Amino acid sequence: MHDFSSSGALAPSQRRMRRTTAEIRALILESARVLFAERGFSGATTRHIAARAEVAEPLIFNNFGSKSTLFVEAVIEPFNARFSEFLAHSGELPPDREQRSAHFVHALYPFLRDNADLLLALVKSNGEMEAATLHGLDDYFSRAVARMRDQYELAALQFDVPPELIVRYAFGMLAGAVLFRDWFFPDDAPEEDVAEGALARMLFKASEPRKP
């Protein structure tokens, strides 16, 4: 009579569940996002990313092809997704410039505040990226410029500051307000609604059309 109690078979709880491709990609993306924010592009090696995600390093390349592509998907694409959502709804807004400035800030500033790690990843990777990756936000900038030009043309307005600069510096203003908040206001920081209102007003004034 055989005693199966001591067989080498693992109990279900001891066997590692096989993970789907989607689960593996999600683990890698989450790990990459954290480490790019902590160490920048160069400092976050694929070995470190794989170890944190608890996956084999070759799976990074199997799923993303390259470290640069992984950076784009982990860091750049969340920006583009949010910006695309903003642009999709901005066409439904009334033509009033002040309302549009407020909508831009209210739509994007909380997103940047809640995803400050993405901004840190950009800052810490400055000077380390390939040229193609540096153009990761170009689609949003181009579409935003085109949208501004259409709005000003419909209202028969002339730009005082080129829209190519407005859309980029507007993003920079919101990003700076997030990244340097503790330095700007080590004590008695304004309430978020006050901060958003001030940023919206500054953007509105900065984008004023040329006086006739």
N, C-alpha and C. Protein backbone atom coordinates (compact mmCIF):
# COMPACT_ATOMS: atom_id res chain seq x y z
N MET A 1 0.85 -1.18 0.00
CA MET A 1 0.00 0.00 0.00
C MET A 1 0.89 1.24 0.00
N HIS A 2 0.59 2.18 -0.86
CA HIS A 2 1.43 3.36 -1.01
C HIS A 2 0.92 4.51 -0.14
N ASP A 3 1.87 5.26 0.39
CA ASP A 3 1.54 6.45 1.18
C ASP A 3 1.80 7.68 0.31
N PHE A 4 0.74 8.34 -0.12
CA PHE A 4 0.87 9.50 -1.01
C PHE A 4 1.07 10.80 -0.23
N SER A 5 1.04 10.74 1.08
CA SER A 5 1.12 11.96 1.87
C SER A 5 2.46 12.65 1.73
N SER A 6 3.48 11.92 1.37
CA SER A 6 4.82 12.50 1.26
C SER A 6 5.27 12.65 -0.18
N SER A 7 4.32 12.63 -1.14
CA SER A 7 4.69 12.74 -2.56
C SER A 7 5.27 14.11 -2.83
N GLY A 8 6.04 14.24 -3.92
CA GLY A 8 6.70 15.48 -4.27
C GLY A 8 5.77 16.49 -4.93
N ALA A 9 4.51 16.16 -5.17
CA ALA A 9 3.58 17.08 -5.82
C ALA A 9 3.32 18.28 -4.91
N LEU A 10 3.31 19.47 -5.54
CA LEU A 10 3.06 20.69 -4.76
C LEU A 10 1.58 20.92 -4.59
N ALA A 11 1.21 21.41 -3.44
CA ALA A 11 -0.17 21.80 -3.20
C ALA A 11 -0.48 23.02 -4.05
N PRO A 12 -1.77 23.24 -4.37
CA PRO A 12 -2.14 24.39 -5.20
C PRO A 12 -1.60 25.70 -4.69
N SER A 13 -1.57 25.87 -3.35
CA SER A 13 -1.09 27.13 -2.80
C SER A 13 0.40 27.32 -3.01
N GLN A 14 1.12 26.19 -3.24
CA GLN A 14 2.56 26.25 -3.43
C GLN A 14 2.95 26.48 -4.88
N ARG A 15 2.04 26.17 -5.78
CA ARG A 15 2.35 26.34 -7.19
C ARG A 15 2.14 27.79 -7.58
N ARG A 16 3.05 28.33 -8.37
CA ARG A 16 2.93 29.71 -8.83
C ARG A 16 1.94 29.77 -9.98
N MET A 17 0.96 30.62 -9.85
CA MET A 17 -0.03 30.75 -10.90
C MET A 17 0.61 31.33 -12.15
N ARG A 18 0.24 30.82 -13.28
CA ARG A 18 0.75 31.34 -14.55
C ARG A 18 0.08 32.68 -14.84
N ARG A 19 0.90 33.71 -15.10
CA ARG A 19 0.37 35.05 -15.31
C ARG A 19 0.13 35.29 -16.80
N THR A 20 -0.91 36.06 -17.08
CA THR A 20 -1.22 36.39 -18.47
C THR A 20 -0.26 37.45 -18.98
N THR A 21 -0.24 37.62 -20.29
CA THR A 21 0.60 38.66 -20.90
C THR A 21 0.19 40.03 -20.39
N ALA A 22 -1.11 40.26 -20.28
CA ALA A 22 -1.60 41.55 -19.78
C ALA A 22 -1.11 41.81 -18.36
N GLU A 23 -1.12 40.79 -17.52
CA GLU A 23 -0.66 40.95 -16.14
C GLU A 23 0.84 41.24 -16.10
N ILE A 24 1.59 40.56 -16.93
CA ILE A 24 3.03 40.77 -16.97
C ILE A 24 3.35 42.18 -17.45
N ARG A 25 2.66 42.64 -18.49
CA ARG A 25 2.86 44.00 -18.99
C ARG A 25 2.53 45.03 -17.90
N ALA A 26 1.45 44.81 -17.18
CA ALA A 26 1.04 45.74 -16.13
C ALA A 26 2.09 45.80 -15.02
N LEU A 27 2.64 44.66 -14.65
CA LEU A 27 3.67 44.63 -13.61
C LEU A 27 4.93 45.37 -14.07
N ILE A 28 5.31 45.15 -15.32
CA ILE A 28 6.50 45.82 -15.85
C ILE A 28 6.28 47.33 -15.92
N LEU A 29 5.12 47.75 -16.40
CA LEU A 29 4.83 49.18 -16.52
C LEU A 29 4.82 49.86 -15.16
N GLU A 30 4.22 49.23 -14.18
CA GLU A 30 4.16 49.82 -12.83
C GLU A 30 5.57 49.93 -12.26
N SER A 31 6.37 48.90 -12.42
CA SER A 31 7.74 48.92 -11.93
C SER A 31 8.56 49.98 -12.64
N ALA A 32 8.42 50.06 -13.96
CA ALA A 32 9.17 51.05 -14.74
C ALA A 32 8.80 52.46 -14.33
N ARG A 33 7.54 52.70 -14.13
CA ARG A 33 7.07 54.03 -13.75
C ARG A 33 7.72 54.48 -12.43
N VAL A 34 7.74 53.58 -11.46
CA VAL A 34 8.33 53.90 -10.16
C VAL A 34 9.82 54.15 -10.28
N LEU A 35 10.53 53.27 -10.98
CA LEU A 35 11.99 53.38 -11.03
C LEU A 35 12.45 54.52 -11.94
N PHE A 36 11.72 54.79 -13.03
CA PHE A 36 12.08 55.95 -13.86
C PHE A 36 11.93 57.24 -13.05
N ALA A 37 10.91 57.30 -12.20
CA ALA A 37 10.71 58.49 -11.37
C ALA A 37 11.80 58.61 -10.31
N GLU A 38 12.24 57.48 -9.78
CA GLU A 38 13.26 57.51 -8.73
C GLU A 38 14.66 57.75 -9.28
N ARG A 39 14.97 57.13 -10.46
CA ARG A 39 16.36 57.09 -10.91
C ARG A 39 16.59 57.70 -12.28
N GLY A 40 15.52 58.08 -12.98
CA GLY A 40 15.69 58.57 -14.33
C GLY A 40 15.88 57.43 -15.32
N PHE A 41 15.95 57.79 -16.60
CA PHE A 41 16.03 56.77 -17.65
C PHE A 41 17.31 55.94 -17.53
N SER A 42 18.44 56.58 -17.37
CA SER A 42 19.72 55.85 -17.32
C SER A 42 19.86 55.04 -16.04
N GLY A 43 19.41 55.59 -14.93
CA GLY A 43 19.59 54.90 -13.65
C GLY A 43 18.69 53.70 -13.45
N ALA A 44 17.56 53.68 -14.13
CA ALA A 44 16.62 52.56 -14.00
C ALA A 44 16.96 51.52 -15.06
N THR A 45 17.74 50.53 -14.72
CA THR A 45 18.13 49.51 -15.68
C THR A 45 16.99 48.50 -15.87
N THR A 46 17.02 47.81 -16.98
CA THR A 46 15.99 46.80 -17.21
C THR A 46 16.09 45.68 -16.18
N ARG A 47 17.29 45.42 -15.68
CA ARG A 47 17.45 44.40 -14.63
C ARG A 47 16.72 44.84 -13.37
N HIS A 48 16.88 46.12 -12.99
CA HIS A 48 16.18 46.62 -11.80
C HIS A 48 14.67 46.58 -12.00
N ILE A 49 14.23 46.98 -13.19
CA ILE A 49 12.79 47.00 -13.47
C ILE A 49 12.21 45.60 -13.39
N ALA A 50 12.92 44.63 -13.98
CA ALA A 50 12.44 43.24 -13.97
C ALA A 50 12.41 42.70 -12.55
N ALA A 51 13.45 43.02 -11.76
CA ALA A 51 13.50 42.51 -10.39
C ALA A 51 12.34 43.05 -9.56
N ARG A 52 12.05 44.33 -9.71
CA ARG A 52 10.95 44.91 -8.93
C ARG A 52 9.61 44.33 -9.37
N ALA A 53 9.48 44.07 -10.66
CA ALA A 53 8.23 43.51 -11.18
C ALA A 53 8.12 42.01 -10.95
N GLU A 54 9.23 41.40 -10.52
CA GLU A 54 9.29 39.96 -10.30
C GLU A 54 8.98 39.19 -11.58
N VAL A 55 9.66 39.61 -12.65
CA VAL A 55 9.56 38.92 -13.93
C VAL A 55 10.97 38.72 -14.47
N ALA A 56 11.10 37.83 -15.43
CA ALA A 56 12.40 37.62 -16.07
C ALA A 56 12.72 38.82 -16.97
N GLU A 57 13.96 39.26 -16.96
CA GLU A 57 14.35 40.44 -17.73
C GLU A 57 14.01 40.34 -19.21
N PRO A 58 14.19 39.16 -19.86
CA PRO A 58 13.86 39.08 -21.29
C PRO A 58 12.40 39.41 -21.60
N LEU A 59 11.50 39.27 -20.60
CA LEU A 59 10.10 39.58 -20.84
C LEU A 59 9.88 41.07 -21.13
N ILE A 60 10.78 41.92 -20.63
CA ILE A 60 10.67 43.35 -20.94
C ILE A 60 10.83 43.57 -22.44
N PHE A 61 11.82 42.92 -23.01
CA PHE A 61 12.07 43.09 -24.44
C PHE A 61 11.05 42.33 -25.29
N ASN A 62 10.57 41.20 -24.78
CA ASN A 62 9.52 40.46 -25.50
C ASN A 62 8.24 41.28 -25.62
N ASN A 63 7.95 42.07 -24.57
CA ASN A 63 6.69 42.81 -24.54
C ASN A 63 6.80 44.24 -25.05
N PHE A 64 7.99 44.84 -24.94
CA PHE A 64 8.12 46.27 -25.30
C PHE A 64 9.19 46.55 -26.35
N GLY A 65 10.04 45.60 -26.60
CA GLY A 65 11.03 45.77 -27.65
C GLY A 65 12.31 46.44 -27.21
N SER A 66 12.19 47.53 -26.47
CA SER A 66 13.37 48.27 -26.03
C SER A 66 13.03 49.04 -24.76
N LYS A 67 14.07 49.49 -24.09
CA LYS A 67 13.89 50.29 -22.88
C LYS A 67 13.25 51.64 -23.23
N SER A 68 13.62 52.22 -24.37
CA SER A 68 13.03 53.50 -24.78
C SER A 68 11.53 53.37 -25.00
N THR A 69 11.12 52.29 -25.64
CA THR A 69 9.69 52.06 -25.86
C THR A 69 8.97 51.87 -24.53
N LEU A 70 9.61 51.18 -23.61
CA LEU A 70 9.02 51.01 -22.28
C LEU A 70 8.85 52.36 -21.60
N PHE A 71 9.82 53.24 -21.72
CA PHE A 71 9.71 54.58 -21.13
C PHE A 71 8.52 55.32 -21.73
N VAL A 72 8.38 55.24 -23.04
CA VAL A 72 7.26 55.91 -23.70
C VAL A 72 5.93 55.40 -23.16
N GLU A 73 5.79 54.09 -23.06
CA GLU A 73 4.51 53.52 -22.62
C GLU A 73 4.25 53.77 -21.13
N ALA A 74 5.31 53.75 -20.33
CA ALA A 74 5.13 53.92 -18.88
C ALA A 74 4.98 55.38 -18.48
N VAL A 75 5.66 56.29 -19.18
CA VAL A 75 5.73 57.67 -18.75
C VAL A 75 5.02 58.63 -19.70
N ILE A 76 5.28 58.50 -20.99
CA ILE A 76 4.73 59.46 -21.95
C ILE A 76 3.27 59.21 -22.26
N GLU A 77 2.91 57.95 -22.47
CA GLU A 77 1.54 57.65 -22.91
C GLU A 77 0.46 58.10 -21.91
N PRO A 78 0.67 58.01 -20.59
CA PRO A 78 -0.36 58.54 -19.68
C PRO A 78 -0.63 60.02 -19.90
N PHE A 79 0.42 60.81 -20.21
CA PHE A 79 0.21 62.21 -20.55
C PHE A 79 -0.64 62.33 -21.81
N ASN A 80 -0.24 61.61 -22.84
CA ASN A 80 -0.95 61.72 -24.12
C ASN A 80 -2.41 61.29 -24.01
N ALA A 81 -2.67 60.28 -23.21
CA ALA A 81 -4.05 59.83 -23.03
C ALA A 81 -4.89 60.92 -22.38
N ARG A 82 -4.33 61.56 -21.35
CA ARG A 82 -5.07 62.63 -20.66
C ARG A 82 -5.23 63.85 -21.56
N PHE A 83 -4.18 64.21 -22.29
CA PHE A 83 -4.25 65.36 -23.18
C PHE A 83 -5.26 65.11 -24.31
N SER A 84 -5.29 63.91 -24.83
CA SER A 84 -6.25 63.59 -25.90
C SER A 84 -7.68 63.71 -25.39
N GLU A 85 -7.90 63.26 -24.15
CA GLU A 85 -9.23 63.38 -23.54
C GLU A 85 -9.61 64.85 -23.39
N PHE A 86 -8.65 65.66 -22.96
CA PHE A 86 -8.91 67.09 -22.82
C PHE A 86 -9.26 67.73 -24.16
N LEU A 87 -8.48 67.44 -25.20
CA LEU A 87 -8.73 68.03 -26.51
C LEU A 87 -10.07 67.57 -27.08
N ALA A 88 -10.44 66.32 -26.81
CA ALA A 88 -11.71 65.80 -27.33
C ALA A 88 -12.89 66.57 -26.77
N HIS A 89 -12.79 67.02 -25.52
CA HIS A 89 -13.90 67.73 -24.90
C HIS A 89 -13.81 69.24 -25.06
N SER A 90 -12.60 69.74 -25.35
CA SER A 90 -12.45 71.20 -25.42
C SER A 90 -13.20 71.79 -26.60
N GLY A 91 -13.45 70.99 -27.63
CA GLY A 91 -14.20 71.49 -28.77
C GLY A 91 -15.65 71.78 -28.46
N GLU A 92 -16.15 71.26 -27.34
CA GLU A 92 -17.54 71.47 -26.95
C GLU A 92 -17.71 72.71 -26.07
N LEU A 93 -16.59 73.35 -25.71
CA LEU A 93 -16.68 74.50 -24.81
C LEU A 93 -17.12 75.75 -25.55
N PRO A 94 -17.70 76.70 -24.84
CA PRO A 94 -18.05 77.98 -25.45
C PRO A 94 -16.77 78.72 -25.86
N PRO A 95 -16.86 79.70 -26.73
CA PRO A 95 -15.66 80.37 -27.24
C PRO A 95 -14.97 81.29 -26.25
N ASP A 96 -15.59 81.56 -25.13
CA ASP A 96 -15.01 82.48 -24.16
C ASP A 96 -13.61 82.01 -23.73
N ARG A 97 -12.61 82.88 -23.92
CA ARG A 97 -11.23 82.49 -23.65
C ARG A 97 -10.98 82.23 -22.16
N GLU A 98 -11.61 83.01 -21.31
CA GLU A 98 -11.39 82.84 -19.87
C GLU A 98 -11.92 81.48 -19.41
N GLN A 99 -13.07 81.09 -19.93
CA GLN A 99 -13.61 79.78 -19.58
C GLN A 99 -12.71 78.66 -20.09
N ARG A 100 -12.15 78.85 -21.27
CA ARG A 100 -11.28 77.84 -21.84
C ARG A 100 -9.98 77.70 -21.04
N SER A 101 -9.46 78.84 -20.59
CA SER A 101 -8.26 78.79 -19.75
C SER A 101 -8.54 78.05 -18.45
N ALA A 102 -9.68 78.32 -17.86
CA ALA A 102 -10.05 77.65 -16.61
C ALA A 102 -10.24 76.15 -16.85
N HIS A 103 -10.86 75.80 -17.96
CA HIS A 103 -11.07 74.39 -18.26
C HIS A 103 -9.74 73.66 -18.43
N PHE A 104 -8.79 74.29 -19.11
CA PHE A 104 -7.47 73.69 -19.30
C PHE A 104 -6.83 73.38 -17.94
N VAL A 105 -6.83 74.36 -17.05
CA VAL A 105 -6.20 74.17 -15.75
C VAL A 105 -6.94 73.14 -14.92
N HIS A 106 -8.27 73.22 -14.88
CA HIS A 106 -9.05 72.30 -14.05
C HIS A 106 -8.98 70.87 -14.58
N ALA A 107 -8.75 70.72 -15.88
CA ALA A 107 -8.67 69.38 -16.46
C ALA A 107 -7.29 68.76 -16.28
N LEU A 108 -6.23 69.57 -16.30
CA LEU A 108 -4.89 69.02 -16.34
C LEU A 108 -4.10 69.17 -15.03
N TYR A 109 -4.32 70.26 -14.31
CA TYR A 109 -3.53 70.46 -13.09
C TYR A 109 -3.75 69.34 -12.06
N PRO A 110 -4.99 68.94 -11.77
CA PRO A 110 -5.16 67.84 -10.81
C PRO A 110 -4.52 66.54 -11.31
N PHE A 111 -4.59 66.31 -12.63
CA PHE A 111 -3.95 65.10 -13.18
C PHE A 111 -2.44 65.14 -12.93
N LEU A 112 -1.80 66.27 -13.21
CA LEU A 112 -0.36 66.39 -12.98
C LEU A 112 -0.03 66.27 -11.49
N ARG A 113 -0.86 66.86 -10.66
CA ARG A 113 -0.64 66.79 -9.21
C ARG A 113 -0.72 65.34 -8.73
N ASP A 114 -1.70 64.59 -9.24
CA ASP A 114 -1.89 63.21 -8.82
C ASP A 114 -0.88 62.25 -9.46
N ASN A 115 -0.20 62.72 -10.49
CA ASN A 115 0.77 61.87 -11.19
C ASN A 115 2.13 62.57 -11.26
N ALA A 116 2.51 63.15 -10.14
CA ALA A 116 3.78 63.87 -10.09
C ALA A 116 4.97 62.98 -10.38
N ASP A 117 4.82 61.67 -10.15
CA ASP A 117 5.93 60.76 -10.45
C ASP A 117 6.26 60.75 -11.94
N LEU A 118 5.25 60.96 -12.79
CA LEU A 118 5.51 61.03 -14.23
C LEU A 118 6.35 62.27 -14.56
N LEU A 119 6.04 63.38 -13.91
CA LEU A 119 6.83 64.60 -14.12
C LEU A 119 8.27 64.39 -13.63
N LEU A 120 8.42 63.73 -12.49
CA LEU A 120 9.76 63.45 -11.97
C LEU A 120 10.55 62.59 -12.94
N ALA A 121 9.88 61.63 -13.56
CA ALA A 121 10.56 60.77 -14.54
C ALA A 121 11.07 61.59 -15.71
N LEU A 122 10.27 62.55 -16.17
CA LEU A 122 10.70 63.42 -17.26
C LEU A 122 11.91 64.26 -16.84
N VAL A 123 11.81 64.86 -15.66
CA VAL A 123 12.88 65.75 -15.18
C VAL A 123 14.18 64.97 -14.98
N LYS A 124 14.09 63.81 -14.34
CA LYS A 124 15.30 63.04 -14.04
C LYS A 124 15.89 62.37 -15.28
N SER A 125 15.14 62.34 -16.37
CA SER A 125 15.63 61.73 -17.61
C SER A 125 16.08 62.79 -18.61
N ASN A 126 16.04 64.04 -18.20
CA ASN A 126 16.43 65.12 -19.10
C ASN A 126 17.89 64.96 -19.52
N GLY A 127 18.14 65.03 -20.83
CA GLY A 127 19.49 64.87 -21.34
C GLY A 127 19.91 63.44 -21.54
N GLU A 128 19.03 62.49 -21.24
CA GLU A 128 19.38 61.07 -21.35
C GLU A 128 18.61 60.36 -22.46
N MET A 129 17.64 61.03 -23.06
CA MET A 129 16.73 60.35 -23.96
C MET A 129 17.18 60.42 -25.41
N GLU A 130 16.77 59.41 -26.18
CA GLU A 130 16.98 59.44 -27.61
C GLU A 130 16.08 60.51 -28.22
N ALA A 131 16.47 61.01 -29.38
CA ALA A 131 15.73 62.10 -30.03
C ALA A 131 14.27 61.74 -30.25
N ALA A 132 14.01 60.51 -30.69
CA ALA A 132 12.62 60.11 -30.99
C ALA A 132 11.75 60.17 -29.75
N THR A 133 12.29 59.77 -28.61
CA THR A 133 11.52 59.78 -27.38
C THR A 133 11.20 61.19 -26.93
N LEU A 134 12.13 62.12 -27.18
CA LEU A 134 11.91 63.51 -26.79
C LEU A 134 10.74 64.14 -27.52
N HIS A 135 10.33 63.53 -28.63
CA HIS A 135 9.19 64.05 -29.39
C HIS A 135 7.88 63.40 -28.97
N GLY A 136 7.88 62.73 -27.82
CA GLY A 136 6.71 61.98 -27.38
C GLY A 136 5.47 62.80 -27.15
N LEU A 137 5.63 64.10 -26.83
CA LEU A 137 4.47 64.97 -26.57
C LEU A 137 4.11 65.83 -27.78
N ASP A 138 4.82 65.61 -28.88
CA ASP A 138 4.62 66.47 -30.06
C ASP A 138 3.19 66.42 -30.59
N ASP A 139 2.57 65.24 -30.54
CA ASP A 139 1.21 65.12 -31.08
C ASP A 139 0.26 66.04 -30.33
N TYR A 140 0.35 66.03 -29.01
CA TYR A 140 -0.52 66.92 -28.22
C TYR A 140 -0.21 68.37 -28.53
N PHE A 141 1.06 68.75 -28.53
CA PHE A 141 1.42 70.14 -28.78
C PHE A 141 0.91 70.61 -30.15
N SER A 142 1.07 69.76 -31.16
CA SER A 142 0.63 70.13 -32.51
C SER A 142 -0.89 70.30 -32.58
N ARG A 143 -1.61 69.37 -31.96
CA ARG A 143 -3.07 69.45 -31.98
C ARG A 143 -3.57 70.63 -31.17
N ALA A 144 -2.91 70.92 -30.04
CA ALA A 144 -3.31 72.06 -29.23
C ALA A 144 -3.07 73.38 -29.96
N VAL A 145 -1.95 73.47 -30.67
CA VAL A 145 -1.67 74.67 -31.45
C VAL A 145 -2.71 74.85 -32.54
N ALA A 146 -3.04 73.77 -33.24
CA ALA A 146 -4.05 73.85 -34.30
C ALA A 146 -5.40 74.28 -33.74
N ARG A 147 -5.76 73.75 -32.57
CA ARG A 147 -7.03 74.11 -31.94
C ARG A 147 -7.03 75.60 -31.57
N MET A 148 -5.94 76.10 -31.03
CA MET A 148 -5.86 77.52 -30.67
C MET A 148 -5.96 78.40 -31.91
N ARG A 149 -5.28 78.02 -32.96
CA ARG A 149 -5.33 78.82 -34.19
C ARG A 149 -6.75 78.90 -34.74
N ASP A 150 -7.46 77.77 -34.70
CA ASP A 150 -8.84 77.76 -35.18
C ASP A 150 -9.71 78.68 -34.33
N GLN A 151 -9.53 78.64 -33.02
CA GLN A 151 -10.35 79.46 -32.12
C GLN A 151 -10.09 80.95 -32.33
N TYR A 152 -8.84 81.32 -32.47
CA TYR A 152 -8.52 82.74 -32.68
C TYR A 152 -9.00 83.21 -34.05
N GLU A 153 -8.88 82.34 -35.05
CA GLU A 153 -9.34 82.72 -36.39
C GLU A 153 -10.84 82.93 -36.42
N LEU A 154 -11.59 82.06 -35.74
CA LEU A 154 -13.04 82.20 -35.70
C LEU A 154 -13.46 83.49 -35.00
N ALA A 155 -12.68 83.90 -34.02
CA ALA A 155 -12.99 85.12 -33.28
C ALA A 155 -12.33 86.35 -33.89
N ALA A 156 -11.65 86.17 -35.02
CA ALA A 156 -10.95 87.27 -35.70
C ALA A 156 -9.93 87.95 -34.78
N LEU A 157 -9.19 87.13 -34.03
CA LEU A 157 -8.18 87.64 -33.11
C LEU A 157 -6.78 87.35 -33.66
N GLN A 158 -5.82 88.17 -33.22
CA GLN A 158 -4.42 87.98 -33.60
C GLN A 158 -3.61 87.59 -32.37
N PHE A 159 -2.72 86.64 -32.52
CA PHE A 159 -1.88 86.22 -31.40
C PHE A 159 -0.87 87.30 -31.05
N ASP A 160 -0.70 87.51 -29.76
CA ASP A 160 0.39 88.36 -29.29
C ASP A 160 1.62 87.49 -28.99
N VAL A 161 1.38 86.31 -28.40
CA VAL A 161 2.43 85.30 -28.18
C VAL A 161 2.13 84.12 -29.09
N PRO A 162 3.11 83.60 -29.82
CA PRO A 162 2.85 82.48 -30.73
C PRO A 162 2.25 81.29 -29.99
N PRO A 163 1.24 80.64 -30.57
CA PRO A 163 0.60 79.52 -29.88
C PRO A 163 1.55 78.35 -29.65
N GLU A 164 2.59 78.22 -30.52
CA GLU A 164 3.57 77.16 -30.31
C GLU A 164 4.28 77.31 -28.97
N LEU A 165 4.42 78.57 -28.51
CA LEU A 165 5.02 78.82 -27.20
C LEU A 165 3.99 78.72 -26.09
N ILE A 166 2.78 79.21 -26.35
CA ILE A 166 1.75 79.21 -25.32
C ILE A 166 1.47 77.80 -24.82
N VAL A 167 1.25 76.84 -25.74
CA VAL A 167 0.85 75.50 -25.31
C VAL A 167 1.98 74.81 -24.53
N ARG A 168 3.22 75.06 -24.91
CA ARG A 168 4.34 74.43 -24.22
C ARG A 168 4.59 75.07 -22.86
N TYR A 169 4.57 76.40 -22.81
CA TYR A 169 4.82 77.06 -21.54
C TYR A 169 3.64 76.93 -20.58
N ALA A 170 2.45 76.74 -21.12
CA ALA A 170 1.29 76.48 -20.25
C ALA A 170 1.48 75.15 -19.52
N PHE A 171 1.92 74.14 -20.27
CA PHE A 171 2.23 72.85 -19.65
C PHE A 171 3.34 73.01 -18.61
N GLY A 172 4.39 73.76 -18.98
CA GLY A 172 5.48 73.98 -18.06
C GLY A 172 5.07 74.69 -16.79
N MET A 173 4.15 75.65 -16.91
CA MET A 173 3.68 76.38 -15.74
C MET A 173 2.97 75.43 -14.77
N LEU A 174 2.09 74.58 -15.28
CA LEU A 174 1.38 73.65 -14.41
C LEU A 174 2.34 72.63 -13.81
N ALA A 175 3.27 72.13 -14.63
CA ALA A 175 4.24 71.16 -14.12
C ALA A 175 5.10 71.77 -13.02
N GLY A 176 5.55 73.01 -13.23
CA GLY A 176 6.35 73.68 -12.22
C GLY A 176 5.59 73.92 -10.93
N ALA A 177 4.30 74.24 -11.05
CA ALA A 177 3.48 74.46 -9.86
C ALA A 177 3.37 73.18 -9.04
N VAL A 178 3.39 72.04 -9.71
CA VAL A 178 3.33 70.75 -9.01
C VAL A 178 4.69 70.41 -8.40
N LEU A 179 5.74 70.47 -9.21
CA LEU A 179 7.05 70.00 -8.78
C LEU A 179 7.67 70.88 -7.69
N PHE A 180 7.40 72.18 -7.75
CA PHE A 180 8.04 73.09 -6.81
C PHE A 180 7.09 73.63 -5.74
N ARG A 181 5.98 72.96 -5.57
CA ARG A 181 4.97 73.44 -4.62
C ARG A 181 5.56 73.63 -3.23
N ASP A 182 6.32 72.65 -2.75
CA ASP A 182 6.88 72.75 -1.39
C ASP A 182 7.91 73.86 -1.29
N TRP A 183 8.62 74.15 -2.38
CA TRP A 183 9.59 75.23 -2.37
C TRP A 183 8.90 76.60 -2.47
N PHE A 184 7.85 76.64 -3.27
CA PHE A 184 7.10 77.89 -3.38
C PHE A 184 6.40 78.24 -2.07
N PHE A 185 5.84 77.21 -1.43
CA PHE A 185 5.02 77.43 -0.24
C PHE A 185 5.41 76.45 0.86
N PRO A 186 6.57 76.66 1.50
CA PRO A 186 6.94 75.77 2.61
C PRO A 186 5.97 75.86 3.78
N ASP A 187 5.29 76.98 3.88
CA ASP A 187 4.26 77.17 4.90
C ASP A 187 3.04 77.83 4.25
N ASP A 188 1.88 77.47 4.71
CA ASP A 188 0.65 78.12 4.29
C ASP A 188 0.44 78.08 2.78
N ALA A 189 0.51 76.89 2.20
CA ALA A 189 0.23 76.75 0.77
C ALA A 189 -1.23 77.08 0.51
N PRO A 190 -1.55 77.67 -0.64
CA PRO A 190 -2.94 78.00 -0.94
C PRO A 190 -3.78 76.75 -1.13
N GLU A 191 -5.07 76.87 -0.88
CA GLU A 191 -5.98 75.77 -1.18
C GLU A 191 -5.93 75.47 -2.67
N GLU A 192 -6.21 74.23 -3.02
CA GLU A 192 -6.07 73.83 -4.42
C GLU A 192 -6.98 74.62 -5.35
N ASP A 193 -8.19 74.96 -4.89
CA ASP A 193 -9.07 75.73 -5.75
C ASP A 193 -8.53 77.14 -5.97
N VAL A 194 -7.86 77.68 -4.96
CA VAL A 194 -7.24 79.00 -5.11
C VAL A 194 -6.07 78.92 -6.08
N ALA A 195 -5.25 77.88 -5.93
CA ALA A 195 -4.11 77.70 -6.83
C ALA A 195 -4.58 77.54 -8.27
N GLU A 196 -5.60 76.72 -8.48
CA GLU A 196 -6.11 76.50 -9.84
C GLU A 196 -6.67 77.79 -10.42
N GLY A 197 -7.36 78.56 -9.60
CA GLY A 197 -7.91 79.83 -10.08
C GLY A 197 -6.83 80.80 -10.49
N ALA A 198 -5.74 80.86 -9.71
CA ALA A 198 -4.63 81.76 -10.04
C ALA A 198 -3.94 81.32 -11.33
N LEU A 199 -3.71 80.02 -11.47
CA LEU A 199 -3.07 79.50 -12.67
C LEU A 199 -3.93 79.77 -13.91
N ALA A 200 -5.24 79.58 -13.77
CA ALA A 200 -6.14 79.84 -14.90
C ALA A 200 -6.12 81.30 -15.30
N ARG A 201 -6.11 82.17 -14.30
CA ARG A 201 -6.09 83.61 -14.59
C ARG A 201 -4.79 84.02 -15.27
N MET A 202 -3.66 83.48 -14.81
CA MET A 202 -2.37 83.80 -15.43
C MET A 202 -2.31 83.30 -16.86
N LEU A 203 -2.85 82.12 -17.11
CA LEU A 203 -2.85 81.59 -18.47
C LEU A 203 -3.74 82.44 -19.37
N PHE A 204 -4.87 82.85 -18.85
CA PHE A 204 -5.78 83.71 -19.62
C PHE A 204 -5.08 85.01 -20.01
N LYS A 205 -4.39 85.62 -19.06
CA LYS A 205 -3.71 86.88 -19.34
C LYS A 205 -2.53 86.67 -20.30
N ALA A 206 -1.83 85.56 -20.14
CA ALA A 206 -0.67 85.30 -21.00
C ALA A 206 -1.07 85.06 -22.45
N SER A 207 -2.29 84.58 -22.66
CA SER A 207 -2.73 84.27 -24.02
C SER A 207 -3.61 85.37 -24.62
N GLU A 208 -3.58 86.55 -24.02
CA GLU A 208 -4.38 87.65 -24.55
C GLU A 208 -4.00 87.96 -25.99
N PRO A 209 -4.99 88.24 -26.82
CA PRO A 209 -4.69 88.57 -28.22
C PRO A 209 -4.04 89.94 -28.35
N ARG A 210 -3.44 90.14 -29.48
CA ARG A 210 -2.79 91.43 -29.74
C ARG A 210 -3.84 92.53 -29.83
N LYS A 211 -3.54 93.64 -29.20
CA LYS A 211 -4.48 94.76 -29.25
C LYS A 211 -4.44 95.40 -30.64
N PRO A 212 -5.59 95.80 -31.17
CA PRO A 212 -5.63 96.42 -32.50
C PRO A 212 -4.91 97.77 -32.52
